[in-house]
Amino acid sequence: MKARTKFLASGLLVVGVAGYLMASSIEQTATYYLTPQELAAKTTADPSFYETGVKVGARVVPGSIQRTPGGREVSFRVTDGARTYPVVYRGITPDTFTDGVDVVVEGRLGRDGTFRATTLLAKCASRYENAPDKYKQTPGYQNPGQAAPPRTTAAAAPRGA
């Protein structure tokens, strides 16, 4: 067998193995996260699903955030409207982490029903507050449909009046 044939055969083998590994890894990571209701269904159907690494996407229940005095641990509840889970996270929380924000937590659901998160991602706020009253007349803060109040200066007055 020629050297060129051996080289082509080994190249095809490498490309084939790399393609198989990519396809199998995509299949394993196809589900980005579960909702609390889906997590409850999985643990009911398969009790061995507890203590398995998983990502859960839900909304923080307003008023449920409690921080420890040191500030490095936070506990809160998440819900999708149908099911609620308590979450404990140790680490620095994102600046956008507040009541009612959508989050994705990665970690493990314990048999006690508490989700122990190792990663906490918070979605940016989807709504913006109105500008404070003192900025209402500033052109950069006005709504596009709102016209600036007319300015009256000596230069703007018509000549010859």
Protein backbone atom coordinates (compact mmCIF):
# COMPACT_ATOMS: atom_id res chain seq x y z
CA MET A 1 0.00 0.00 0.00
CA LYS A 2 1.34 3.42 -0.91
CA ALA A 3 2.09 6.10 1.69
CA ARG A 4 -0.46 8.43 0.11
CA THR A 5 -3.23 5.83 0.50
CA LYS A 6 -2.30 5.26 4.14
CA PHE A 7 -2.35 9.00 4.78
CA LEU A 8 -5.81 9.41 3.18
CA ALA A 9 -7.22 6.40 5.07
CA SER A 10 -5.93 7.68 8.43
CA GLY A 11 -7.23 11.20 7.63
CA LEU A 12 -10.70 9.82 6.89
CA LEU A 13 -10.61 7.83 10.12
CA VAL A 14 -9.73 10.97 12.15
CA VAL A 15 -12.48 13.02 10.46
CA GLY A 16 -15.01 10.22 11.03
CA VAL A 17 -14.17 9.91 14.74
CA ALA A 18 -14.30 13.70 15.20
CA GLY A 19 -17.70 13.83 13.47
CA TYR A 20 -19.06 11.04 15.68
CA LEU A 21 -17.84 12.78 18.86
CA MET A 22 -19.40 16.09 17.81
CA ALA A 23 -22.74 14.46 16.95
CA SER A 24 -22.91 12.54 20.22
CA SER A 25 -22.01 15.60 22.32
CA ILE A 26 -24.71 17.71 20.62
CA GLU A 27 -27.27 15.05 21.50
CA GLN A 28 -26.26 15.13 25.18
CA THR A 29 -26.47 18.92 25.44
CA ALA A 30 -29.55 19.50 23.30
CA THR A 31 -31.76 20.35 26.30
CA TYR A 32 -30.59 23.68 27.63
CA TYR A 33 -32.68 23.64 30.80
CA LEU A 34 -35.76 22.16 32.42
CA THR A 35 -38.69 24.00 33.95
CA PRO A 36 -39.59 23.19 37.58
CA GLN A 37 -42.61 21.23 36.37
CA GLU A 38 -40.45 19.15 34.00
CA LEU A 39 -37.95 18.53 36.81
CA ALA A 40 -40.76 17.32 39.09
CA ALA A 41 -42.00 14.97 36.36
CA LYS A 42 -38.50 13.55 35.84
CA THR A 43 -37.92 12.91 39.55
CA THR A 44 -41.36 11.30 39.89
CA ALA A 45 -40.75 9.01 36.92
CA ASP A 46 -37.15 8.18 37.89
CA PRO A 47 -36.20 8.62 41.58
CA SER A 48 -32.53 8.14 40.67
CA PHE A 49 -32.71 11.56 38.93
CA TYR A 50 -32.14 13.23 42.31
CA GLU A 51 -28.55 14.41 42.80
CA THR A 52 -28.04 14.51 39.02
CA GLY A 53 -26.55 17.64 37.47
CA VAL A 54 -29.22 19.65 35.66
CA LYS A 55 -30.07 23.20 34.58
CA VAL A 56 -33.41 24.71 35.61
CA GLY A 57 -34.94 27.86 34.13
CA ALA A 58 -37.63 29.68 36.10
CA ARG A 59 -38.65 32.99 37.68
CA VAL A 60 -37.60 34.11 41.17
CA VAL A 61 -40.61 34.27 43.50
CA PRO A 62 -40.98 37.91 44.67
CA GLY A 63 -40.06 38.36 48.34
CA SER A 64 -38.28 35.02 48.63
CA ILE A 65 -34.64 36.19 48.41
CA GLN A 66 -32.76 35.80 51.70
CA ARG A 67 -29.05 36.54 52.03
CA THR A 68 -26.77 35.32 54.80
CA PRO A 69 -24.98 38.00 56.83
CA GLY A 70 -21.70 37.30 55.01
CA GLY A 71 -23.43 37.90 51.69
CA ARG A 72 -21.89 34.90 49.92
CA GLU A 73 -24.90 32.60 50.29
CA VAL A 74 -28.38 33.33 49.05
CA SER A 75 -31.56 31.29 49.23
CA PHE A 76 -34.68 31.92 47.19
CA ARG A 77 -37.56 30.13 45.50
CA VAL A 78 -38.10 29.68 41.77
CA THR A 79 -41.33 28.89 39.95
CA ASP A 80 -42.76 28.34 36.50
CA GLY A 81 -46.29 28.96 37.74
CA ALA A 82 -47.04 25.27 38.25
CA ARG A 83 -44.24 24.11 40.55
CA THR A 84 -41.93 25.90 43.03
CA TYR A 85 -38.51 24.84 44.32
CA PRO A 86 -36.31 26.37 47.01
CA VAL A 87 -32.79 27.14 45.77
CA VAL A 88 -29.55 27.64 47.72
CA TYR A 89 -26.60 29.26 45.96
CA ARG A 90 -23.13 30.03 47.31
CA GLY A 91 -21.18 32.61 45.36
CA ILE A 92 -21.40 36.09 43.96
CA THR A 93 -24.84 36.86 42.55
CA PRO A 94 -25.21 38.77 39.27
CA ASP A 95 -26.14 42.46 39.46
CA THR A 96 -29.41 41.72 37.66
CA PHE A 97 -30.52 39.15 40.27
CA THR A 98 -33.66 40.58 41.90
CA ASP A 99 -37.24 39.57 42.73
CA GLY A 100 -39.25 38.41 39.74
CA VAL A 101 -36.28 38.05 37.37
CA ASP A 102 -35.89 35.00 35.11
CA VAL A 103 -32.93 32.83 36.13
CA VAL A 104 -31.16 29.68 35.01
CA VAL A 105 -29.61 27.71 37.85
CA GLU A 106 -27.27 24.80 37.36
CA GLY A 107 -26.80 22.24 40.10
CA ARG A 108 -28.46 19.25 41.75
CA LEU A 109 -31.87 18.64 43.26
CA GLY A 110 -31.52 17.05 46.69
CA ARG A 111 -33.88 14.43 48.06
CA ASP A 112 -35.11 17.05 50.54
CA GLY A 113 -36.52 19.03 47.58
CA THR A 114 -33.93 21.84 47.73
CA PHE A 115 -32.03 22.69 44.57
CA ARG A 116 -28.35 23.34 45.36
CA ALA A 117 -27.06 25.60 42.61
CA THR A 118 -23.44 25.88 41.58
CA THR A 119 -24.14 28.42 38.82
CA LEU A 120 -26.65 31.28 38.80
CA LEU A 121 -27.47 33.23 35.63
CA ALA A 122 -29.98 36.09 35.72
CA LYS A 123 -31.73 37.54 32.71
CA CYS A 124 -31.50 41.27 32.13
CA ALA A 125 -34.58 43.26 33.05
CA SER A 126 -37.12 43.28 30.25
CA ARG A 127 -38.63 46.58 31.25
CA TYR A 128 -37.12 49.93 31.94
CA GLU A 129 -38.18 52.55 34.44
CA ASN A 130 -39.25 56.02 33.38
CA ALA A 131 -36.73 58.80 33.77
CA PRO A 132 -36.91 60.74 37.06
CA ASP A 133 -38.95 63.97 36.93
CA LYS A 134 -35.87 66.19 37.02
CA TYR A 135 -34.76 64.71 33.65
CA LYS A 136 -38.16 64.89 31.89
CA GLN A 137 -37.25 68.08 30.00
CA THR A 138 -33.82 66.83 28.88
CA PRO A 139 -33.99 66.08 25.11
CA GLY A 140 -32.03 62.82 25.45
CA TYR A 141 -34.58 61.37 27.88
CA GLN A 142 -37.78 62.32 26.05
CA ASN A 143 -39.96 59.81 24.26
CA PRO A 144 -39.63 59.92 20.46
CA GLY A 145 -43.26 61.03 20.06
CA GLN A 146 -42.97 63.75 22.70
CA ALA A 147 -41.80 67.10 21.41
CA ALA A 148 -39.50 69.30 23.44
CA PRO A 149 -41.20 72.35 24.94
CA PRO A 150 -40.56 75.46 22.84
CA ARG A 151 -37.75 77.70 24.04
CA THR A 152 -38.27 81.40 23.98
CA THR A 153 -35.14 83.46 23.69
CA ALA A 154 -34.36 86.84 22.29
CA ALA A 155 -32.66 85.24 19.28
CA ALA A 156 -35.79 83.27 18.42
CA ALA A 157 -38.13 86.26 18.37
CA PRO A 158 -39.09 87.49 14.88
CA ARG A 159 -37.32 90.65 13.72
CA GLY A 160 -39.21 93.75 13.01
CA ALA A 161 -41.91 93.15 15.55
